[in-house]
């Protein structure tokens, strides 16, 4: 059996779509304040490190501006399960969880179900892997 070596390119520190939009346009603050994913509106936009975040309203935009680190998704918004396994993947804004005051996103609800079974171990692994995965 031969061993394959894969070369992965480093990814930008924040996951965005081709237009520079983060979290597919969902409001990162709403996960905390409303406990659910809420689509943001372009008129309430704020850009951080080249990634544009949309917010549901001016109040959420203001909260984010005051404490962006509090509301920023972990691992640049990439899938927490993937990062825990040493690679990156996109996310589904519906697959989310707040753990210890931090927002984690996953590729899909199915992936999230696996991640949820091992949250402490997955977060530890992702915390170790993340610094080596992004530019």
N, C-alpha and C. Protein backbone atom coordinates (compact mmCIF):
# COMPACT_ATOMS: atom_id res chain seq x y z
N UNK A 1 0.85 -1.18 0.00
CA UNK A 1 0.00 0.00 0.00
C UNK A 1 0.90 1.24 0.00
N UNK A 2 0.64 2.14 -0.88
CA UNK A 2 1.45 3.36 -0.94
C UNK A 2 0.78 4.47 -0.15
N UNK A 3 1.62 5.33 0.33
CA UNK A 3 1.12 6.47 1.10
C UNK A 3 1.09 7.68 0.18
N UNK A 4 -0.01 8.36 0.16
CA UNK A 4 -0.14 9.56 -0.67
C UNK A 4 0.12 10.79 0.17
N UNK A 5 0.83 11.71 -0.40
CA UNK A 5 1.04 13.00 0.27
C UNK A 5 0.17 14.03 -0.43
N UNK A 6 -0.61 14.71 0.35
CA UNK A 6 -1.48 15.73 -0.19
C UNK A 6 -0.93 17.09 0.21
N UNK A 7 -0.95 18.01 -0.72
CA UNK A 7 -0.51 19.37 -0.44
C UNK A 7 -1.76 20.25 -0.41
N UNK A 8 -2.00 20.84 0.73
CA UNK A 8 -3.14 21.72 0.87
C UNK A 8 -2.66 23.16 0.87
N UNK A 9 -3.35 23.99 0.12
CA UNK A 9 -3.01 25.41 0.11
C UNK A 9 -3.54 26.05 1.39
N UNK A 10 -2.80 27.00 1.88
CA UNK A 10 -3.29 27.75 3.04
C UNK A 10 -4.48 28.60 2.60
N UNK A 11 -5.44 28.75 3.49
CA UNK A 11 -6.65 29.49 3.16
C UNK A 11 -6.62 30.87 3.80
N UNK A 12 -7.42 31.80 3.28
CA UNK A 12 -7.52 33.12 3.93
C UNK A 12 -8.03 32.96 5.36
N UNK A 13 -7.71 33.89 6.23
CA UNK A 13 -8.10 33.76 7.63
C UNK A 13 -9.61 33.84 7.88
N UNK A 14 -10.37 34.40 6.93
CA UNK A 14 -11.83 34.47 7.07
C UNK A 14 -12.47 33.88 5.82
N UNK A 15 -13.39 32.97 6.02
CA UNK A 15 -14.11 32.33 4.91
C UNK A 15 -15.13 33.32 4.33
N UNK A 16 -15.04 33.53 3.02
CA UNK A 16 -16.01 34.39 2.34
C UNK A 16 -16.41 33.73 1.03
N UNK A 17 -17.50 34.22 0.48
CA UNK A 17 -17.88 33.77 -0.86
C UNK A 17 -17.11 34.60 -1.88
N UNK A 18 -17.39 34.43 -3.13
CA UNK A 18 -16.63 35.13 -4.18
C UNK A 18 -16.83 36.64 -4.17
N UNK A 19 -17.84 37.09 -3.43
CA UNK A 19 -18.09 38.53 -3.31
C UNK A 19 -17.53 39.12 -2.02
N UNK A 20 -16.85 38.29 -1.24
CA UNK A 20 -16.28 38.75 0.02
C UNK A 20 -17.23 38.72 1.20
N UNK A 21 -18.38 38.05 1.03
CA UNK A 21 -19.40 37.99 2.07
C UNK A 21 -19.13 36.83 3.03
N UNK A 22 -19.13 37.11 4.32
CA UNK A 22 -18.89 36.10 5.34
C UNK A 22 -20.21 35.47 5.81
N UNK A 23 -20.13 34.26 6.27
CA UNK A 23 -21.26 33.48 6.81
C UNK A 23 -22.46 33.48 5.87
N UNK A 24 -22.17 33.53 4.58
CA UNK A 24 -23.23 33.52 3.56
C UNK A 24 -24.27 34.60 3.78
N UNK A 25 -23.84 35.70 4.40
CA UNK A 25 -24.73 36.83 4.62
C UNK A 25 -25.52 36.77 5.91
N UNK A 26 -25.25 35.78 6.76
CA UNK A 26 -25.98 35.69 8.02
C UNK A 26 -25.33 36.58 9.07
N UNK A 27 -26.14 37.04 9.99
CA UNK A 27 -25.75 37.96 11.05
C UNK A 27 -25.06 37.19 12.18
N UNK A 28 -23.76 37.40 12.42
CA UNK A 28 -23.08 36.66 13.49
C UNK A 28 -23.60 37.00 14.89
N UNK A 29 -24.09 38.20 15.09
CA UNK A 29 -24.58 38.61 16.40
C UNK A 29 -25.91 37.93 16.73
N UNK A 30 -26.74 37.70 15.74
CA UNK A 30 -28.06 37.10 15.97
C UNK A 30 -27.96 35.71 16.59
N UNK A 31 -26.91 34.97 16.29
CA UNK A 31 -26.74 33.66 16.92
C UNK A 31 -26.71 33.80 18.44
N UNK A 32 -26.13 34.89 18.91
CA UNK A 32 -26.01 35.13 20.35
C UNK A 32 -27.27 35.79 20.93
N UNK A 33 -27.77 36.81 20.24
CA UNK A 33 -28.87 37.59 20.80
C UNK A 33 -30.23 36.95 20.59
N UNK A 34 -30.43 36.27 19.47
CA UNK A 34 -31.72 35.65 19.17
C UNK A 34 -31.69 34.13 19.28
N UNK A 35 -30.48 33.57 19.35
CA UNK A 35 -30.36 32.12 19.46
C UNK A 35 -30.74 31.37 18.20
N UNK A 36 -30.57 32.04 17.06
CA UNK A 36 -30.89 31.39 15.78
C UNK A 36 -30.19 32.13 14.65
N UNK A 37 -30.03 31.45 13.51
CA UNK A 37 -29.45 32.13 12.35
C UNK A 37 -30.47 33.09 11.73
N UNK A 38 -30.00 34.29 11.43
CA UNK A 38 -30.85 35.31 10.82
C UNK A 38 -30.06 35.92 9.66
N UNK A 39 -30.69 35.98 8.51
CA UNK A 39 -30.05 36.59 7.35
C UNK A 39 -29.85 38.07 7.62
N UNK A 40 -28.63 38.55 7.37
CA UNK A 40 -28.34 39.96 7.52
C UNK A 40 -28.81 40.76 6.31
N UNK A 41 -28.74 42.07 6.43
CA UNK A 41 -29.17 42.96 5.35
C UNK A 41 -27.98 43.78 4.88
N UNK A 42 -27.84 43.96 3.58
CA UNK A 42 -26.68 44.69 3.03
C UNK A 42 -26.54 46.11 3.56
N UNK A 43 -27.64 46.75 3.94
CA UNK A 43 -27.53 48.12 4.44
C UNK A 43 -26.89 48.18 5.83
N UNK A 44 -26.78 47.03 6.48
CA UNK A 44 -26.10 46.95 7.78
C UNK A 44 -24.88 46.06 7.61
N UNK A 45 -23.88 46.56 6.92
CA UNK A 45 -22.68 45.80 6.59
C UNK A 45 -21.46 46.39 7.28
N UNK A 46 -20.52 45.52 7.57
CA UNK A 46 -19.25 45.93 8.16
C UNK A 46 -18.18 44.98 7.66
N UNK A 47 -17.04 45.54 7.25
CA UNK A 47 -15.95 44.73 6.71
C UNK A 47 -14.81 44.63 7.70
N UNK A 48 -14.34 43.39 7.89
CA UNK A 48 -13.22 43.09 8.77
C UNK A 48 -12.24 42.24 7.97
N UNK A 49 -11.01 42.71 7.84
CA UNK A 49 -9.96 41.94 7.16
C UNK A 49 -10.41 41.42 5.80
N UNK A 50 -11.13 42.23 5.05
CA UNK A 50 -11.57 41.85 3.71
C UNK A 50 -12.85 41.04 3.66
N UNK A 51 -13.40 40.68 4.80
CA UNK A 51 -14.66 39.91 4.84
C UNK A 51 -15.79 40.85 5.26
N UNK A 52 -16.86 40.84 4.50
CA UNK A 52 -18.01 41.68 4.80
C UNK A 52 -19.07 40.87 5.54
N UNK A 53 -19.44 41.38 6.69
CA UNK A 53 -20.49 40.76 7.49
C UNK A 53 -21.76 41.60 7.34
N UNK A 54 -22.88 40.92 7.23
CA UNK A 54 -24.18 41.59 7.18
C UNK A 54 -24.89 41.37 8.52
N UNK A 55 -25.68 42.34 8.92
CA UNK A 55 -26.38 42.29 10.20
C UNK A 55 -27.86 42.54 9.97
N UNK A 56 -28.67 41.99 10.84
CA UNK A 56 -30.12 42.11 10.71
C UNK A 56 -30.60 43.53 10.95
N UNK A 57 -29.86 44.26 11.81
CA UNK A 57 -30.28 45.63 12.13
C UNK A 57 -29.08 46.43 12.65
N UNK A 58 -29.32 47.71 12.85
CA UNK A 58 -28.25 48.61 13.31
C UNK A 58 -27.75 48.25 14.70
N UNK A 59 -28.63 47.75 15.55
CA UNK A 59 -28.22 47.37 16.92
C UNK A 59 -27.19 46.25 16.88
N UNK A 60 -27.43 45.23 16.05
CA UNK A 60 -26.46 44.14 15.95
C UNK A 60 -25.15 44.60 15.32
N UNK A 61 -25.24 45.47 14.34
CA UNK A 61 -24.03 46.04 13.75
C UNK A 61 -23.21 46.77 14.81
N UNK A 62 -23.88 47.56 15.63
CA UNK A 62 -23.18 48.30 16.68
C UNK A 62 -22.53 47.36 17.70
N UNK A 63 -23.24 46.31 18.08
CA UNK A 63 -22.67 45.33 19.02
C UNK A 63 -21.40 44.71 18.44
N UNK A 64 -21.45 44.36 17.17
CA UNK A 64 -20.30 43.75 16.51
C UNK A 64 -19.12 44.73 16.46
N UNK A 65 -19.40 45.96 16.09
CA UNK A 65 -18.33 46.96 16.00
C UNK A 65 -17.65 47.18 17.34
N UNK A 66 -18.43 47.11 18.42
CA UNK A 66 -17.86 47.33 19.76
C UNK A 66 -17.02 46.15 20.22
N UNK A 67 -17.40 44.93 19.84
CA UNK A 67 -16.70 43.73 20.29
C UNK A 67 -16.67 42.68 19.19
N UNK A 68 -15.96 42.93 18.10
CA UNK A 68 -15.98 41.95 17.01
C UNK A 68 -15.48 40.57 17.43
N UNK A 69 -14.49 40.51 18.29
CA UNK A 69 -13.96 39.22 18.73
C UNK A 69 -14.98 38.36 19.45
N UNK A 70 -15.92 38.98 20.11
CA UNK A 70 -16.96 38.25 20.83
C UNK A 70 -17.90 37.53 19.88
N UNK A 71 -18.15 38.13 18.71
CA UNK A 71 -19.15 37.60 17.79
C UNK A 71 -18.56 36.89 16.57
N UNK A 72 -17.28 37.05 16.34
CA UNK A 72 -16.63 36.45 15.18
C UNK A 72 -16.68 34.92 15.29
N UNK A 73 -17.07 34.24 14.21
CA UNK A 73 -17.07 32.77 14.28
C UNK A 73 -15.65 32.24 14.44
N UNK A 74 -15.54 31.13 15.14
CA UNK A 74 -14.23 30.51 15.35
C UNK A 74 -13.68 29.96 14.04
N UNK A 75 -12.37 29.88 13.97
CA UNK A 75 -11.65 29.33 12.81
C UNK A 75 -12.02 30.07 11.52
N UNK A 76 -12.20 31.37 11.66
CA UNK A 76 -12.48 32.20 10.49
C UNK A 76 -13.80 31.91 9.81
N UNK A 77 -14.67 31.19 10.49
CA UNK A 77 -15.96 30.85 9.90
C UNK A 77 -15.94 29.55 9.11
N UNK A 78 -14.80 28.85 9.07
CA UNK A 78 -14.73 27.55 8.41
C UNK A 78 -15.36 26.49 9.31
N UNK A 79 -15.67 25.36 8.74
CA UNK A 79 -16.29 24.26 9.47
C UNK A 79 -15.39 23.79 10.61
N UNK A 80 -15.93 23.82 11.82
CA UNK A 80 -15.16 23.41 13.00
C UNK A 80 -14.77 21.93 12.95
N UNK A 81 -15.63 21.09 12.40
CA UNK A 81 -15.31 19.66 12.26
C UNK A 81 -14.13 19.48 11.32
N UNK A 82 -14.17 20.14 10.20
CA UNK A 82 -13.08 20.03 9.23
C UNK A 82 -11.76 20.49 9.85
N UNK A 83 -11.77 21.64 10.50
CA UNK A 83 -10.55 22.17 11.11
C UNK A 83 -10.03 21.19 12.16
N UNK A 84 -10.92 20.55 12.89
CA UNK A 84 -10.47 19.58 13.89
C UNK A 84 -9.81 18.37 13.24
N UNK A 85 -10.10 18.15 11.97
CA UNK A 85 -9.50 17.05 11.22
C UNK A 85 -8.33 17.51 10.35
N UNK A 86 -7.95 18.77 10.46
CA UNK A 86 -6.76 19.25 9.77
C UNK A 86 -6.96 19.81 8.38
N UNK A 87 -8.19 20.14 8.02
CA UNK A 87 -8.45 20.77 6.73
C UNK A 87 -9.56 21.80 6.91
N UNK A 88 -9.91 22.49 5.85
CA UNK A 88 -10.99 23.47 5.93
C UNK A 88 -12.13 23.08 4.99
N UNK A 89 -13.31 23.56 5.32
CA UNK A 89 -14.49 23.33 4.50
C UNK A 89 -15.45 24.49 4.72
N UNK A 90 -16.33 24.66 3.77
CA UNK A 90 -17.34 25.70 3.86
C UNK A 90 -18.33 25.36 4.97
N UNK A 91 -19.36 26.17 5.10
CA UNK A 91 -20.33 25.98 6.18
C UNK A 91 -21.76 26.14 5.69
N UNK A 92 -22.66 25.64 6.50
CA UNK A 92 -24.09 25.90 6.36
C UNK A 92 -24.46 26.77 7.56
N UNK A 93 -24.93 27.99 7.35
CA UNK A 93 -25.24 28.87 8.49
C UNK A 93 -26.27 28.28 9.45
N UNK A 94 -27.01 27.27 9.02
CA UNK A 94 -27.99 26.63 9.89
C UNK A 94 -27.33 25.62 10.85
N UNK A 95 -26.09 25.24 10.57
CA UNK A 95 -25.37 24.25 11.39
C UNK A 95 -24.41 25.02 12.29
N UNK A 96 -24.85 25.36 13.48
CA UNK A 96 -24.08 26.22 14.37
C UNK A 96 -24.29 25.81 15.83
N UNK A 97 -23.38 26.27 16.66
CA UNK A 97 -23.51 26.06 18.09
C UNK A 97 -22.62 27.06 18.80
N UNK A 98 -23.12 27.58 19.92
CA UNK A 98 -22.31 28.45 20.77
C UNK A 98 -21.83 27.59 21.94
N UNK A 99 -20.52 27.55 22.12
CA UNK A 99 -19.90 26.79 23.20
C UNK A 99 -18.98 27.74 23.95
N UNK A 100 -19.20 27.85 25.25
CA UNK A 100 -18.37 28.73 26.08
C UNK A 100 -18.27 30.14 25.50
N UNK A 101 -19.40 30.64 25.00
CA UNK A 101 -19.45 32.00 24.49
C UNK A 101 -18.81 32.21 23.13
N UNK A 102 -18.53 31.12 22.41
CA UNK A 102 -17.91 31.22 21.08
C UNK A 102 -18.80 30.54 20.04
N UNK A 103 -18.85 31.15 18.86
CA UNK A 103 -19.67 30.64 17.76
C UNK A 103 -18.87 29.67 16.90
N UNK A 104 -19.41 28.47 16.73
CA UNK A 104 -18.81 27.45 15.87
C UNK A 104 -19.79 27.10 14.77
N UNK A 105 -19.29 26.98 13.56
CA UNK A 105 -20.11 26.65 12.40
C UNK A 105 -19.63 25.32 11.82
N UNK A 106 -20.55 24.61 11.16
CA UNK A 106 -20.22 23.34 10.55
C UNK A 106 -20.69 23.29 9.10
N UNK A 107 -20.14 22.34 8.37
CA UNK A 107 -20.42 22.16 6.95
C UNK A 107 -21.90 21.86 6.69
N UNK A 108 -22.47 21.03 7.54
CA UNK A 108 -23.87 20.63 7.36
C UNK A 108 -24.43 20.20 8.71
N UNK A 109 -25.73 19.96 8.75
CA UNK A 109 -26.35 19.48 9.99
C UNK A 109 -25.86 18.08 10.33
N UNK A 110 -25.60 17.25 9.30
CA UNK A 110 -25.07 15.91 9.55
C UNK A 110 -23.68 15.97 10.17
N UNK A 111 -22.83 16.82 9.63
CA UNK A 111 -21.49 16.98 10.19
C UNK A 111 -21.58 17.55 11.60
N UNK A 112 -22.48 18.49 11.79
CA UNK A 112 -22.65 19.08 13.12
C UNK A 112 -23.04 18.00 14.14
N UNK A 113 -23.87 17.06 13.75
CA UNK A 113 -24.29 15.99 14.67
C UNK A 113 -23.07 15.18 15.14
N UNK A 114 -22.13 14.93 14.25
CA UNK A 114 -20.89 14.22 14.63
C UNK A 114 -20.04 15.09 15.53
N UNK A 115 -19.89 16.36 15.17
CA UNK A 115 -19.06 17.30 15.94
C UNK A 115 -19.62 17.45 17.35
N UNK A 116 -20.92 17.51 17.49
CA UNK A 116 -21.57 17.72 18.78
C UNK A 116 -21.30 16.57 19.75
N UNK A 117 -21.09 15.36 19.25
CA UNK A 117 -20.84 14.21 20.12
C UNK A 117 -19.47 14.28 20.80
N UNK A 118 -18.56 15.09 20.25
CA UNK A 118 -17.18 15.15 20.77
C UNK A 118 -16.68 16.58 20.88
N UNK A 119 -17.53 17.49 21.32
CA UNK A 119 -17.18 18.91 21.29
C UNK A 119 -15.85 19.24 21.96
N UNK A 120 -15.61 18.84 23.20
CA UNK A 120 -14.35 19.24 23.83
C UNK A 120 -13.10 18.76 23.06
N UNK A 121 -13.13 17.50 22.62
CA UNK A 121 -12.00 16.95 21.88
C UNK A 121 -11.84 17.64 20.52
N UNK A 122 -12.96 17.90 19.88
CA UNK A 122 -12.92 18.54 18.56
C UNK A 122 -12.40 19.97 18.65
N UNK A 123 -12.81 20.69 19.67
CA UNK A 123 -12.33 22.07 19.84
C UNK A 123 -10.83 22.06 20.13
N UNK A 124 -10.37 21.15 20.98
CA UNK A 124 -8.93 21.05 21.27
C UNK A 124 -8.14 20.76 20.00
N UNK A 125 -8.62 19.82 19.20
CA UNK A 125 -7.92 19.47 17.96
C UNK A 125 -7.94 20.64 16.98
N UNK A 126 -9.08 21.28 16.85
CA UNK A 126 -9.19 22.41 15.92
C UNK A 126 -8.31 23.58 16.37
N UNK A 127 -8.26 23.83 17.67
CA UNK A 127 -7.39 24.89 18.18
C UNK A 127 -5.93 24.62 17.84
N UNK A 128 -5.54 23.35 17.88
CA UNK A 128 -4.15 22.99 17.50
C UNK A 128 -3.93 23.14 16.00
N UNK A 129 -4.91 22.73 15.21
CA UNK A 129 -4.75 22.71 13.75
C UNK A 129 -4.88 24.08 13.09
N UNK A 130 -5.74 24.92 13.60
CA UNK A 130 -6.09 26.18 12.94
C UNK A 130 -4.87 27.04 12.58
N UNK A 131 -3.92 27.24 13.47
CA UNK A 131 -2.79 28.12 13.12
C UNK A 131 -2.00 27.67 11.88
N UNK A 132 -2.04 26.40 11.57
CA UNK A 132 -1.30 25.88 10.41
C UNK A 132 -2.12 25.81 9.13
N UNK A 133 -3.38 26.21 9.20
CA UNK A 133 -4.25 26.08 8.03
C UNK A 133 -4.50 27.40 7.28
N UNK A 134 -4.23 28.51 7.91
CA UNK A 134 -4.54 29.78 7.24
C UNK A 134 -3.29 30.62 7.05
N UNK A 135 -3.41 31.55 6.12
CA UNK A 135 -2.31 32.45 5.77
C UNK A 135 -1.98 33.38 6.90
